[in-house]
Amino acid sequence: MKKYILLLLIAFLSVHLLAQDKNQFNPVNTGVNSLGIAPDSRGGGMGDVGAATDPDVNSQYWNPAKYPFTISRAGVAVSYTPWLRKLVNDIDLAYLAGYYRIGDYQAVSGSLRYFSLGEVPVAYQDENSPGYTIKPYEMAVDVAYSRMLSEHFSAAVALRYIYSDLAYREDEEVSAGSAFAADIAFYYTNYVILAQRECMLSFGLNASNIGTKISYDSGNTSQFLPTNLRLGASLLFPIDDYNTIGVSFDANKYMVPTRPVRGEDESQEEYEERLDRDYNDISPIKGIFKSFSDAPGGFKEELQEIQWSLGLEYTYHEQFSIRGGYHWEHENKGNRKYFSFGAGFKMSVFSLDAAYLVSTAQSNPLDQTLRFTLGFDLDGIKDLFGRRRR
C-alpha cells in the first residue's frame, strides 16, 4: 500500500477541496494538475486572468497568440511561487518564459515549468530495512509560433512535452509518466471609442493541453491531461496621458469528461463496465467533445464546471501598476474562491511583480499564496549597452 500513499497525497494537493455536500461533489479529475497553476504574478494578481490582457512576456501560458502585438522585440521572465504553504513548506513552482518577435508579424516563444513536491519520506514495512526519501516533481517544456493574420487578429500553435515523476519505485507496476500536448490560440484587438476616449478592446481564446493521456503504471491505466478552454475579454481605458485602467474577464472549462457516478440500482460490476466504456477507454479527442454534455447532473452541472475570473489593473506612466481580482469555482467542482492582489514596477530594462492570494472559502490551502516575477526587456538591455558604448 505504501506505493500509493504519494499518489493519494498528490490527489489531495491538486486543490480539489471538499464541498459541504459530498453527494454532489464531483470535480473533473485529471493528471498533472500543476499545469493549471497560474505561474506569473501579473495574471495571478488579477484573479488568474490573461486570455485577452495586453501582451507581456508571460503570454505563453495565457495566450501565445498575443506575442506578435508586443512592443518590445524580445523578453524573458522568471517566476517563483511557494505553493500550499499552509500545508507544507517545501512545495514550489518555478517558471521561465521568453519570446522573440520576428519582423513585425510573427514571433517564437517558449517556457519551462518545474513543479517540485519537496521531499517525501518513505519507510519499509520491514523494521530492519532503513527508510529513504524521494523527491517527486512535474515539469513541462513548450515552444510556440504565433503570427498576425491581419492588422488586428493573430493565431498561435504550441507544442508541449510533459513529464511527471510521482512514483514510488519499488517494482515495475508504478513508473514516471510522460505525455505530449498542443495549444491552439487566437487573439483579436482593436480600438473603440468609449466616453470620447480611444480604448483598446481585446478578445482571446486558448485551447490548451490537447494531447495524449498520461500513465503512471506503464500503460495499464491512464489519466486525461487538464485540457482547458479559456475565453477572455479585456478593455484598456486611458484616463489621461499617464493613467490607465484595464478590466479583464476570463471563463475556463476543462475539456475533460466528467467521471460517471454509480447509479443507485447499479451493481459494482455494471458500474465498472460502464466506467471503462464511457470514461477510461475513450480517446482524449473524443473526451473533448464528450466533456460538454456528459455531466451526471445535466446542463446545470455543466455550467458548474465553468470557472470565472475578473481582474482590474491600474497603471501609471506604464511604470507602476496596482492589481486586484477575484476567481470563482463552484463548490461542487473544487470550491476555489479567492481574491488576489498585486503590484508591479517596470523600468526600461527589467520589471518586478508580486501577487498575493486571499481565500474566501473556508479551510482553503491556497490562502496566503505568494507569487514573484522578474522580467527583462531585451530591447531595453540592448539600448542600455548602446548608450554606454556611446
Protein backbone atom coordinates (compact mmCIF):
# COMPACT_ATOMS: atom_id res chain seq x y z
CA MET A 1 0.00 0.00 0.00
CA LYS A 2 2.91 2.34 0.54
CA LYS A 3 3.48 2.91 -3.14
CA TYR A 4 0.05 4.58 -3.41
CA ILE A 5 0.48 6.96 -0.46
CA LEU A 6 2.23 9.59 -2.56
CA LEU A 7 -0.37 9.46 -5.31
CA LEU A 8 -3.10 9.97 -2.73
CA LEU A 9 -1.20 12.96 -1.37
CA ILE A 10 -0.97 14.49 -4.83
CA ALA A 11 -4.69 13.99 -5.34
CA PHE A 12 -5.28 15.99 -2.18
CA LEU A 13 -2.82 18.71 -3.14
CA SER A 14 -4.48 19.14 -6.55
CA VAL A 15 -6.64 21.77 -4.84
CA HIS A 16 -9.94 19.96 -5.36
CA LEU A 17 -11.32 20.91 -1.97
CA LEU A 18 -14.23 19.10 -0.41
CA ALA A 19 -17.63 20.73 -0.67
CA GLN A 20 -20.10 20.64 2.18
CA ASP A 21 -22.50 18.39 0.29
CA LYS A 22 -20.35 15.38 -0.56
CA ASN A 23 -23.16 13.73 -2.51
CA GLN A 24 -22.88 16.48 -5.10
CA PHE A 25 -19.10 16.86 -5.04
CA ASN A 26 -17.91 15.68 -8.46
CA PRO A 27 -14.81 17.55 -9.68
CA VAL A 28 -13.25 16.96 -13.07
CA ASN A 29 -10.32 14.58 -12.49
CA THR A 30 -7.08 14.96 -14.45
CA GLY A 31 -3.43 14.09 -14.21
CA VAL A 32 -0.60 16.65 -13.96
CA ASN A 33 -2.78 19.19 -12.15
CA SER A 34 0.20 21.53 -11.79
CA LEU A 35 -0.30 22.55 -15.45
CA GLY A 36 -3.33 24.54 -14.32
CA ILE A 37 -1.46 26.70 -11.81
CA ALA A 38 -1.08 30.29 -12.97
CA PRO A 39 2.70 30.81 -12.99
CA ASP A 40 3.19 34.59 -13.14
CA SER A 41 2.39 37.45 -10.76
CA ARG A 42 0.56 39.73 -13.21
CA GLY A 43 -2.16 37.25 -14.14
CA GLY A 44 -2.16 35.79 -10.64
CA GLY A 45 -2.67 39.25 -9.14
CA MET A 46 -5.83 39.75 -11.22
CA GLY A 47 -7.72 36.64 -10.20
CA ASP A 48 -5.99 34.41 -12.79
CA VAL A 49 -6.96 36.25 -15.98
CA GLY A 50 -4.83 36.59 -19.11
CA ALA A 51 -6.53 35.34 -22.28
CA ALA A 52 -7.11 38.87 -23.61
CA THR A 53 -4.99 41.21 -21.47
CA ASP A 54 -2.41 43.31 -23.30
CA PRO A 55 0.63 41.19 -24.27
CA ASP A 56 3.58 40.63 -21.96
CA VAL A 57 6.48 38.20 -21.65
CA ASN A 58 4.35 35.58 -19.81
CA SER A 59 1.68 35.32 -22.52
CA GLN A 60 2.94 31.80 -23.29
CA TYR A 61 0.73 30.38 -20.53
CA TRP A 62 -2.34 32.56 -21.05
CA ASN A 63 -2.45 33.03 -24.83
CA PRO A 64 0.67 32.79 -27.03
CA ALA A 65 -1.19 34.45 -29.92
CA LYS A 66 -0.61 37.81 -28.19
CA TYR A 67 3.15 37.87 -28.82
CA PRO A 68 3.09 39.48 -32.32
CA PHE A 69 1.45 42.53 -30.72
CA THR A 70 4.21 43.11 -28.16
CA ILE A 71 6.01 46.45 -28.28
CA SER A 72 9.40 45.06 -27.33
CA ARG A 73 11.10 42.71 -29.77
CA ALA A 74 12.22 40.18 -27.14
CA GLY A 75 11.90 39.43 -23.45
CA VAL A 76 12.45 36.81 -20.77
CA ALA A 77 10.98 36.36 -17.28
CA VAL A 78 11.32 34.00 -14.34
CA SER A 79 8.54 33.41 -11.80
CA TYR A 80 8.50 31.67 -8.43
CA THR A 81 5.51 30.53 -6.37
CA PRO A 82 5.79 28.90 -2.92
CA TRP A 83 2.80 26.58 -3.13
CA LEU A 84 0.38 25.39 -0.43
CA ARG A 85 2.39 26.93 2.38
CA LYS A 86 -0.49 26.39 4.84
CA LEU A 87 0.05 22.63 4.47
CA VAL A 88 3.76 22.12 3.80
CA ASN A 89 6.86 24.26 3.40
CA ASP A 90 8.75 22.61 0.54
CA ILE A 91 6.38 22.66 -2.47
CA ASP A 92 7.02 25.33 -5.11
CA LEU A 93 6.60 26.21 -8.76
CA ALA A 94 9.36 27.73 -10.90
CA TYR A 95 8.56 29.10 -14.36
CA LEU A 96 10.76 30.50 -17.12
CA ALA A 97 9.25 32.15 -20.22
CA GLY A 98 10.61 34.09 -23.16
CA TYR A 99 9.84 35.24 -26.69
CA TYR A 100 11.41 36.76 -29.77
CA ARG A 101 9.40 38.74 -32.31
CA ILE A 102 10.47 38.08 -35.91
CA GLY A 103 9.88 41.15 -38.00
CA ASP A 104 6.55 42.88 -37.47
CA TYR A 105 4.12 39.99 -37.90
CA GLN A 106 5.32 36.82 -36.17
CA ALA A 107 7.03 35.54 -33.04
CA VAL A 108 8.51 32.43 -31.46
CA SER A 109 8.23 31.76 -27.75
CA GLY A 110 8.80 29.09 -25.14
CA SER A 111 8.57 28.23 -21.47
CA LEU A 112 9.85 25.78 -18.88
CA ARG A 113 7.72 24.82 -15.88
CA TYR A 114 9.07 22.90 -12.88
CA PHE A 115 6.77 21.91 -10.02
CA SER A 116 8.60 20.39 -7.05
CA LEU A 117 6.68 18.46 -4.40
CA GLY A 118 9.57 18.60 -1.95
CA GLU A 119 10.87 15.61 -0.06
CA VAL A 120 8.60 12.71 0.86
CA PRO A 121 9.93 10.22 3.45
CA VAL A 122 9.26 6.57 2.66
CA ALA A 123 9.71 3.73 5.16
CA TYR A 124 9.76 -0.01 4.57
CA GLN A 125 7.33 -2.27 6.36
CA ASP A 126 10.32 -4.35 7.43
CA GLU A 127 11.68 -2.76 10.61
CA ASN A 128 15.18 -3.99 9.76
CA SER A 129 15.21 -2.06 6.49
CA PRO A 130 16.00 1.67 6.58
CA GLY A 131 13.65 4.23 5.11
CA TYR A 132 14.60 6.76 2.47
CA THR A 133 13.40 9.98 0.86
CA ILE A 134 12.01 10.56 -2.63
CA LYS A 135 11.63 13.91 -4.46
CA PRO A 136 8.58 13.82 -6.77
CA TYR A 137 8.20 16.54 -9.38
CA GLU A 138 6.36 17.53 -12.55
CA MET A 139 7.77 19.52 -15.44
CA ALA A 140 6.74 20.76 -18.87
CA VAL A 141 8.64 22.44 -21.69
CA ASP A 142 6.96 24.03 -24.70
CA VAL A 143 7.57 26.13 -27.79
CA ALA A 144 5.07 28.21 -29.77
CA TYR A 145 4.83 30.00 -33.08
CA SER A 146 2.44 32.96 -33.45
CA ARG A 147 1.58 35.13 -36.44
CA MET A 148 -0.60 38.12 -37.24
CA LEU A 149 -3.25 37.15 -39.79
CA SER A 150 -4.45 40.73 -40.15
CA GLU A 151 -3.81 44.10 -38.56
CA HIS A 152 -5.98 43.17 -35.57
CA PHE A 153 -6.06 39.35 -35.48
CA SER A 154 -3.44 36.69 -34.70
CA ALA A 155 -3.17 32.94 -34.14
CA ALA A 156 -0.67 30.62 -32.49
CA VAL A 157 0.15 26.95 -32.02
CA ALA A 158 2.25 25.50 -29.21
CA LEU A 159 3.79 22.06 -28.67
CA ARG A 160 4.47 20.75 -25.17
CA TYR A 161 6.31 17.83 -23.58
CA ILE A 162 5.14 16.85 -20.09
CA TYR A 163 6.95 14.67 -17.57
CA SER A 164 5.56 13.67 -14.18
CA ASP A 165 7.58 11.61 -11.70
CA LEU A 166 5.39 10.81 -8.70
CA ALA A 167 6.27 7.15 -8.49
CA TYR A 168 7.19 5.01 -5.53
CA ARG A 169 9.59 2.82 -7.49
CA GLU A 170 9.79 -0.47 -5.64
CA ASP A 171 8.54 -2.60 -8.55
CA GLU A 172 7.60 -2.29 -12.21
CA GLU A 173 3.93 -1.55 -11.53
CA VAL A 174 4.48 2.16 -10.94
CA SER A 175 6.59 4.45 -13.13
CA ALA A 176 7.02 8.06 -14.15
CA GLY A 177 4.59 9.34 -16.76
CA SER A 178 5.11 11.44 -19.88
CA ALA A 179 2.82 12.97 -22.47
CA PHE A 180 2.70 15.34 -25.43
CA ALA A 181 0.21 18.16 -25.89
CA ALA A 182 -0.57 21.13 -28.11
CA ASP A 183 -2.27 24.53 -27.74
CA ILE A 184 -4.32 26.43 -30.30
CA ALA A 185 -4.83 30.14 -29.57
CA PHE A 186 -6.38 33.25 -31.14
CA TYR A 187 -6.25 36.92 -30.23
CA TYR A 188 -8.16 39.94 -31.56
CA THR A 189 -7.56 43.56 -30.57
CA ASN A 190 -8.84 46.88 -31.90
CA TYR A 191 -9.55 50.44 -30.83
CA VAL A 192 -13.04 51.55 -29.85
CA ILE A 193 -14.37 54.95 -28.77
CA LEU A 194 -15.77 55.00 -25.25
CA ALA A 195 -16.59 58.19 -23.32
CA GLN A 196 -14.84 60.14 -26.08
CA ARG A 197 -11.61 58.25 -25.48
CA GLU A 198 -9.81 55.76 -27.68
CA CYS A 199 -9.85 52.45 -25.76
CA MET A 200 -8.31 49.08 -26.59
CA LEU A 201 -10.83 46.21 -26.72
CA SER A 202 -9.41 42.69 -26.96
CA PHE A 203 -10.69 39.11 -27.08
CA GLY A 204 -8.74 35.90 -26.63
CA LEU A 205 -9.19 32.14 -26.91
CA ASN A 206 -6.74 29.44 -25.88
CA ALA A 207 -7.45 25.70 -26.10
CA SER A 208 -4.51 24.22 -24.19
CA ASN A 209 -3.08 20.78 -23.36
CA ILE A 210 -4.78 18.93 -26.20
CA GLY A 211 -2.79 15.72 -26.27
CA THR A 212 -2.19 12.18 -25.15
CA LYS A 213 -3.15 10.65 -21.83
CA ILE A 214 -0.59 10.12 -19.09
CA SER A 215 0.02 6.84 -17.26
CA TYR A 216 1.83 6.07 -14.01
CA ASP A 217 1.69 2.26 -14.27
CA SER A 218 3.36 1.51 -17.61
CA GLY A 219 0.16 1.98 -19.60
CA ASN A 220 -2.20 -0.27 -17.63
CA THR A 221 -4.33 2.72 -16.67
CA SER A 222 -4.16 6.33 -17.82
CA GLN A 223 -5.45 9.79 -16.93
CA PHE A 224 -6.57 12.72 -19.05
CA LEU A 225 -4.40 15.81 -19.23
CA PRO A 226 -6.00 19.05 -17.95
CA THR A 227 -7.21 20.09 -21.41
CA ASN A 228 -8.65 23.56 -20.92
CA LEU A 229 -10.69 26.06 -22.92
CA ARG A 230 -10.02 29.66 -21.90
CA LEU A 231 -12.11 32.56 -23.26
CA GLY A 232 -11.40 36.14 -22.31
CA ALA A 233 -12.19 39.78 -22.96
CA SER A 234 -10.31 42.91 -21.89
CA LEU A 235 -10.86 46.66 -22.08
CA LEU A 236 -7.96 49.11 -21.67
CA PHE A 237 -9.28 52.57 -20.79
CA PRO A 238 -6.88 55.60 -20.75
CA ILE A 239 -7.89 58.14 -18.11
CA ASP A 240 -5.31 60.62 -19.37
CA ASP A 241 -1.81 60.56 -20.82
CA TYR A 242 -0.35 58.98 -17.66
CA ASN A 243 -3.11 56.88 -16.06
CA THR A 244 -4.75 53.75 -17.49
CA ILE A 245 -7.27 51.25 -16.15
CA GLY A 246 -7.71 47.76 -17.56
CA VAL A 247 -10.70 45.49 -16.90
CA SER A 248 -10.39 41.82 -17.88
CA PHE A 249 -12.63 38.77 -17.69
CA ASP A 250 -11.86 35.08 -18.28
CA ALA A 251 -14.01 31.95 -18.36
CA ASN A 252 -12.43 28.48 -18.16
CA LYS A 253 -13.77 25.00 -18.71
CA TYR A 254 -11.92 21.71 -18.61
CA MET A 255 -12.46 19.82 -21.86
CA VAL A 256 -12.19 16.54 -19.98
CA PRO A 257 -15.02 14.01 -19.44
CA THR A 258 -16.71 14.01 -16.05
CA ARG A 259 -16.23 10.72 -14.22
CA PRO A 260 -19.55 8.79 -14.22
CA VAL A 261 -21.36 8.38 -10.92
CA ARG A 262 -22.59 4.96 -9.85
CA GLY A 263 -26.37 4.65 -10.02
CA GLU A 264 -28.43 3.58 -7.03
CA ASP A 265 -29.68 0.40 -8.75
CA GLU A 266 -26.37 -0.33 -10.50
CA SER A 267 -24.14 -3.18 -9.33
CA GLN A 268 -20.42 -2.62 -8.88
CA GLU A 269 -19.67 -4.82 -11.86
CA GLU A 270 -22.10 -2.95 -14.10
CA TYR A 271 -20.68 0.36 -12.94
CA GLU A 272 -17.09 -0.67 -13.67
CA GLU A 273 -18.08 -1.84 -17.16
CA ARG A 274 -19.78 1.50 -17.84
CA LEU A 275 -16.82 3.36 -16.36
CA ASP A 276 -14.43 1.65 -18.76
CA ARG A 277 -16.74 2.12 -21.74
CA ASP A 278 -17.72 5.75 -21.14
CA TYR A 279 -14.62 7.12 -19.40
CA ASN A 280 -11.43 5.06 -19.11
CA ASP A 281 -11.29 3.75 -22.67
CA ILE A 282 -12.26 6.84 -24.66
CA SER A 283 -9.64 8.86 -26.53
CA PRO A 284 -8.64 12.40 -25.50
CA ILE A 285 -10.17 13.89 -28.66
CA LYS A 286 -13.46 12.10 -28.12
CA GLY A 287 -13.30 13.20 -24.50
CA ILE A 288 -13.08 16.86 -25.56
CA PHE A 289 -16.42 16.68 -27.41
CA LYS A 290 -17.97 14.49 -24.72
CA SER A 291 -16.99 16.95 -21.98
CA PHE A 292 -19.67 19.46 -22.99
CA SER A 293 -22.63 17.14 -22.43
CA ASP A 294 -21.68 14.29 -20.08
CA ALA A 295 -22.13 15.72 -16.57
CA PRO A 296 -24.34 13.40 -14.46
CA GLY A 297 -26.40 16.40 -13.32
CA GLY A 298 -27.14 17.51 -16.88
CA PHE A 299 -26.82 21.06 -18.19
CA LYS A 300 -26.93 22.52 -14.68
CA GLU A 301 -23.80 20.60 -13.72
CA GLU A 302 -22.10 21.50 -17.00
CA LEU A 303 -22.49 25.17 -16.04
CA GLN A 304 -20.96 24.39 -12.64
CA GLU A 305 -17.76 23.27 -14.41
CA ILE A 306 -17.09 26.80 -15.70
CA GLN A 307 -14.64 28.88 -13.66
CA TRP A 308 -14.89 32.68 -13.76
CA SER A 309 -12.19 35.29 -13.17
CA LEU A 310 -12.40 39.09 -13.08
CA GLY A 311 -9.34 41.34 -12.91
CA LEU A 312 -8.53 45.05 -12.63
CA GLU A 313 -5.23 46.78 -13.33
CA TYR A 314 -4.33 50.41 -12.78
CA THR A 315 -1.12 51.62 -14.45
CA TYR A 316 0.69 54.92 -14.01
CA HIS A 317 3.01 56.12 -16.78
CA GLU A 318 3.47 52.49 -17.95
CA GLN A 319 5.81 52.00 -15.00
CA PHE A 320 3.83 51.33 -11.82
CA SER A 321 0.81 49.00 -11.59
CA ILE A 322 -1.69 48.01 -8.90
CA ARG A 323 -3.87 44.95 -9.50
CA GLY A 324 -6.80 43.10 -8.00
CA GLY A 325 -9.11 40.29 -9.00
CA TYR A 326 -11.50 37.53 -8.00
CA HIS A 327 -11.63 33.87 -9.03
CA TRP A 328 -14.75 31.71 -8.63
CA GLU A 329 -15.24 27.96 -8.90
CA HIS A 330 -18.42 26.13 -7.90
CA GLU A 331 -18.26 24.30 -4.58
CA ASN A 332 -19.20 21.00 -6.24
CA LYS A 333 -16.26 21.29 -8.65
CA GLY A 334 -13.43 22.31 -6.31
CA ASN A 335 -14.60 25.41 -4.40
CA ARG A 336 -11.58 27.55 -5.29
CA LYS A 337 -12.85 31.04 -4.47
CA TYR A 338 -10.39 33.78 -3.71
CA PHE A 339 -9.42 37.41 -4.08
CA SER A 340 -5.96 38.30 -5.32
CA PHE A 341 -3.91 41.45 -5.12
CA GLY A 342 -0.69 42.51 -6.80
CA ALA A 343 1.66 45.28 -7.77
CA GLY A 344 4.34 45.77 -10.38
CA PHE A 345 7.19 48.11 -11.18
CA LYS A 346 8.72 48.42 -14.64
CA MET A 347 11.89 50.12 -15.85
CA SER A 348 13.41 50.20 -19.33
CA VAL A 349 15.41 47.02 -18.65
CA PHE A 350 13.60 44.98 -16.01
CA SER A 351 10.24 44.59 -14.29
CA LEU A 352 9.33 43.22 -10.88
CA ASP A 353 5.85 41.93 -9.98
CA ALA A 354 4.31 40.31 -6.92
CA ALA A 355 0.87 38.88 -6.13
CA TYR A 356 -0.93 37.68 -3.01
CA LEU A 357 -3.99 35.44 -2.72
CA VAL A 358 -6.69 35.64 -0.03
CA SER A 359 -9.19 32.77 0.05
CA THR A 360 -12.90 33.33 0.63
CA ALA A 361 -13.60 29.61 1.08
CA GLN A 362 -13.04 28.07 4.49
CA SER A 363 -10.00 25.81 5.03
CA ASN A 364 -8.56 26.60 1.61
CA PRO A 365 -4.86 25.62 1.45
CA LEU A 366 -4.40 28.21 -1.32
CA ASP A 367 -4.88 31.01 1.21
CA GLN A 368 -1.93 33.42 1.53
CA THR A 369 -0.21 32.17 -1.63
CA LEU A 370 2.54 34.48 -2.92
CA ARG A 371 3.92 34.84 -6.44
CA PHE A 372 7.02 36.69 -7.65
CA THR A 373 8.06 37.51 -11.23
CA LEU A 374 11.23 39.14 -12.52
CA GLY A 375 11.22 40.13 -16.19
CA PHE A 376 13.82 41.51 -18.58
CA ASP A 377 13.20 43.57 -21.70
CA LEU A 378 15.95 42.54 -24.10
CA ASP A 379 15.35 45.63 -26.24
CA GLY A 380 15.96 47.74 -23.14
CA ILE A 381 19.18 45.88 -22.39
CA LYS A 382 20.36 46.42 -25.97
CA ASP A 383 19.58 50.15 -25.76
CA LEU A 384 21.32 50.41 -22.39
CA PHE A 385 24.55 48.88 -23.66
CA GLY A 386 24.33 51.02 -26.81
CA ARG A 387 24.18 54.20 -24.72
CA ARG A 388 27.13 53.07 -22.63
CA ARG A 389 29.27 52.45 -25.70
CA ARG A 390 28.50 55.95 -26.99
